[in-house]
Every structure is written in structure tokens, then in C-alpha cells.
Protein backbone atom coordinates (compact mmCIF):
# COMPACT_ATOMS: atom_id res chain seq x y z
CA PHE A 1 106.12 128.58 108.85
CA PHE A 2 106.81 126.73 105.43
CA PHE A 3 108.41 123.28 105.49
CA PHE A 4 109.32 121.27 102.38
CA PHE A 5 111.04 117.70 101.03
CA PHE A 6 111.67 116.29 97.82
CA PHE A 7 110.61 113.18 96.74
CA GLN A 8 111.03 110.75 93.86
CA ALA A 9 107.30 109.49 92.81
CA GLU A 10 105.98 106.44 90.90
CA ASP A 11 102.97 106.78 88.78
CA GLY A 12 102.92 104.73 85.99
CA ILE A 13 99.17 105.12 86.34
CA ARG A 14 98.28 106.46 82.61
CA ASP A 15 94.12 106.87 83.52
CA VAL A 16 93.53 110.69 84.16
CA GLU A 17 90.55 109.61 86.56
CA ARG A 18 92.76 107.27 88.64
CA SER A 19 96.10 109.39 88.51
CA ARG A 20 97.49 111.28 91.25
CA GLY A 21 98.42 114.12 89.04
CA LEU A 22 102.14 113.46 88.71
CA GLY A 23 102.02 113.14 85.14
CA ASP A 24 102.72 109.94 82.93
CA VAL A 25 105.88 109.15 83.17
CA TYR A 26 107.17 106.43 85.78
CA LYS A 27 109.60 108.56 88.16
CA ARG A 28 108.84 112.45 88.54
CA GLN A 29 110.95 115.02 90.68
CA VAL A 30 108.17 116.53 93.43
CA LEU A 31 108.22 118.93 95.73
CA ALA A 32 105.67 118.64 98.91
CA THR A 33 105.23 121.51 101.13
CA CYS A 34 102.82 121.99 104.22
CA SER A 35 102.36 125.29 106.36
CA ASP A 36 100.31 127.10 108.76
CA ASP A 37 97.70 128.13 106.23
CA ARG A 38 96.71 124.06 106.83
CA THR A 39 97.60 122.77 103.17
CA ILE A 40 99.92 120.59 101.86
CA ASN A 41 100.95 121.05 98.32
CA LEU A 42 102.80 119.37 95.29
CA TYR A 43 104.51 120.77 92.50
CA ASN A 44 106.18 119.06 89.47
CA THR A 45 109.70 119.96 89.84
CA GLU A 46 110.26 119.19 85.94
CA LYS A 47 107.87 121.85 84.67
CA GLY A 48 108.62 124.94 86.63
CA PHE A 49 107.37 123.96 89.70
CA GLU A 50 104.06 123.87 88.60
CA LYS A 51 101.43 123.11 91.63
CA ILE A 52 99.68 119.46 90.58
CA ALA A 53 97.75 118.70 93.77
CA GLN A 54 96.66 120.54 97.14
CA TYR A 55 95.13 118.69 100.27
CA SER A 56 93.88 120.41 103.01
CA THR A 57 92.80 120.14 106.87
CA GLY A 58 90.39 122.79 106.52
CA HIS A 59 87.42 120.11 107.33
CA LEU A 60 88.97 120.20 111.38
CA SER A 61 87.32 122.71 113.14
CA ASP A 62 90.44 124.06 115.04
CA TRP A 63 93.02 125.61 113.15
CA HIS A 64 95.74 123.20 112.61
CA THR A 65 99.17 124.33 111.40
CA LEU A 66 100.53 121.61 109.58
CA THR A 67 104.32 120.63 110.77
CA TYR A 68 105.90 117.44 109.31
CA LEU A 69 105.12 115.44 106.12
CA GLU A 70 106.44 112.36 104.40
CA LEU A 71 105.34 109.88 101.75
CA GLU A 72 105.03 106.66 102.05
CA GLU A 73 107.68 103.99 100.73
CA ASN A 74 105.29 103.32 97.80
CA GLY A 75 104.82 106.48 97.00
CA SER A 76 100.68 106.16 97.11
CA ARG A 77 99.84 107.95 100.37
CA LEU A 78 100.99 111.15 102.30
CA VAL A 79 100.85 111.62 106.23
CA CYS A 80 100.96 114.97 107.69
CA GLY A 81 101.65 116.25 111.46
CA THR A 82 99.67 119.07 112.97
CA GLN A 83 100.72 121.47 115.75
CA HIS A 84 97.82 120.10 117.65
CA GLY A 85 98.90 116.23 117.81
CA TYR A 86 96.68 115.05 114.71
CA LEU A 87 97.85 112.68 111.98
CA ALA A 88 96.28 112.98 108.49
CA ILE A 89 96.80 110.68 105.84
CA TRP A 90 95.94 110.87 102.27
CA ASP A 91 95.55 108.59 99.45
CA LEU A 92 97.36 110.39 96.42
CA ILE A 93 95.49 108.86 93.90
CA THR A 94 91.68 109.19 95.18
CA LYS A 95 93.07 112.77 96.81
CA LYS A 96 91.04 111.64 99.62
CA ASN A 97 91.88 111.85 103.33
CA ILE A 98 91.52 108.61 104.58
CA PHE A 99 93.13 109.03 108.14
CA LEU A 100 92.86 111.51 110.84
CA LYS A 101 93.61 111.18 114.68
CA LYS A 102 94.90 113.17 117.36
CA VAL A 103 97.91 111.06 118.34
CA GLN A 104 99.88 113.17 120.62
CA ASN A 105 99.46 115.66 123.47
CA GLY A 106 101.69 118.24 121.93
CA GLY A 107 102.79 119.34 118.81
CA ILE A 108 104.04 116.93 116.22
CA GLU A 109 107.72 117.64 115.59
CA GLY A 110 108.68 114.74 113.36
CA LEU A 111 107.67 111.49 111.67
CA ARG A 112 108.70 109.05 110.32
CA TRP A 113 106.68 106.26 108.16
CA ARG A 114 108.01 102.76 107.48
CA GLY A 115 105.23 100.18 106.18
CA ASN A 116 102.43 100.19 108.43
CA ILE A 117 103.79 101.89 111.66
CA ILE A 118 103.73 105.79 111.93
CA ALA A 119 106.66 106.86 114.27
CA THR A 120 106.30 110.52 115.74
CA CYS A 121 107.62 112.42 118.29
CA SER A 122 105.89 115.58 120.17
CA SER A 123 106.72 119.13 121.85
CA ASP A 124 105.35 117.27 125.10
CA CYS A 125 108.72 114.78 124.65
CA ALA A 126 106.72 111.68 123.42
CA LEU A 127 107.55 109.40 121.19
CA LEU A 128 104.43 107.45 119.77
CA ILE A 129 104.11 104.37 117.66
CA THR A 130 100.97 104.32 115.25
CA LYS A 131 100.00 101.29 113.39
CA ILE A 132 98.15 102.10 110.19
CA THR A 133 95.62 99.26 108.76
């Protein structure tokens, strides 16, 4: 499996240490992908799909195929669901996994992130609302 989406990223951070790697412009087209190799990759579409970041769920003990992902509205965090019902969130500035929790009994088949709420639906036909603090 291979899932992807485009998003318009805002990164006005000029400091290389703090930048999430999206460049030195305020808006840039970025392609984000997730797949069954447990990775999320971000690509700069304005530079020949140059890979600019990679995130992994390799720290989980079981194999977790990544199924769906979405960028937070302000563009500083990324959420991804797995086929084992986990939600994982990465801070794109620090490049660290900041949230990991099993929220569904089935595989996550869709998700939406608005404000501090993430809604997920799963293969066991359940809809769940998770509040992120």
C-alpha cells in the first residue's frame, strides 16, 4: 500500500536548527506519503520531489502499516493512523514523535484533524474522537 497527499506548508523559520526542513520560503508545495514500510516521507515538489524529511513507527514492537495521514491546520504537526488502530503524531519542527496511542480496535480507515480533536473511523465500524492536548 502507498498513500499520499499534497499540502501547502508554511515555514517562515529561517533557523536551520528549528526549521522542519521545508525551506526558507513561507509557502511551499509538499507531498506527504505513508506506506506499509512504516515510514512517512515528505517531498518538496518544487525541487524534483526531493525528500526533505522521514518519520517512522519503527520504535513500535509490532509491525504497523501506516494507513492515513493528515497535517495539522497550522502545519506544525502530522498525524498518522495504522492498521493496528494506533495514532501517531510528529512535531515537524523538532522531528520527534510526540503522541502514540492505540485508539481503535480495528485498522484506522480514515481520520480528520481539526483543532485539538482527531476523529478516526476503523475497520471494526467504530468512530472515535480523540482529544489532543
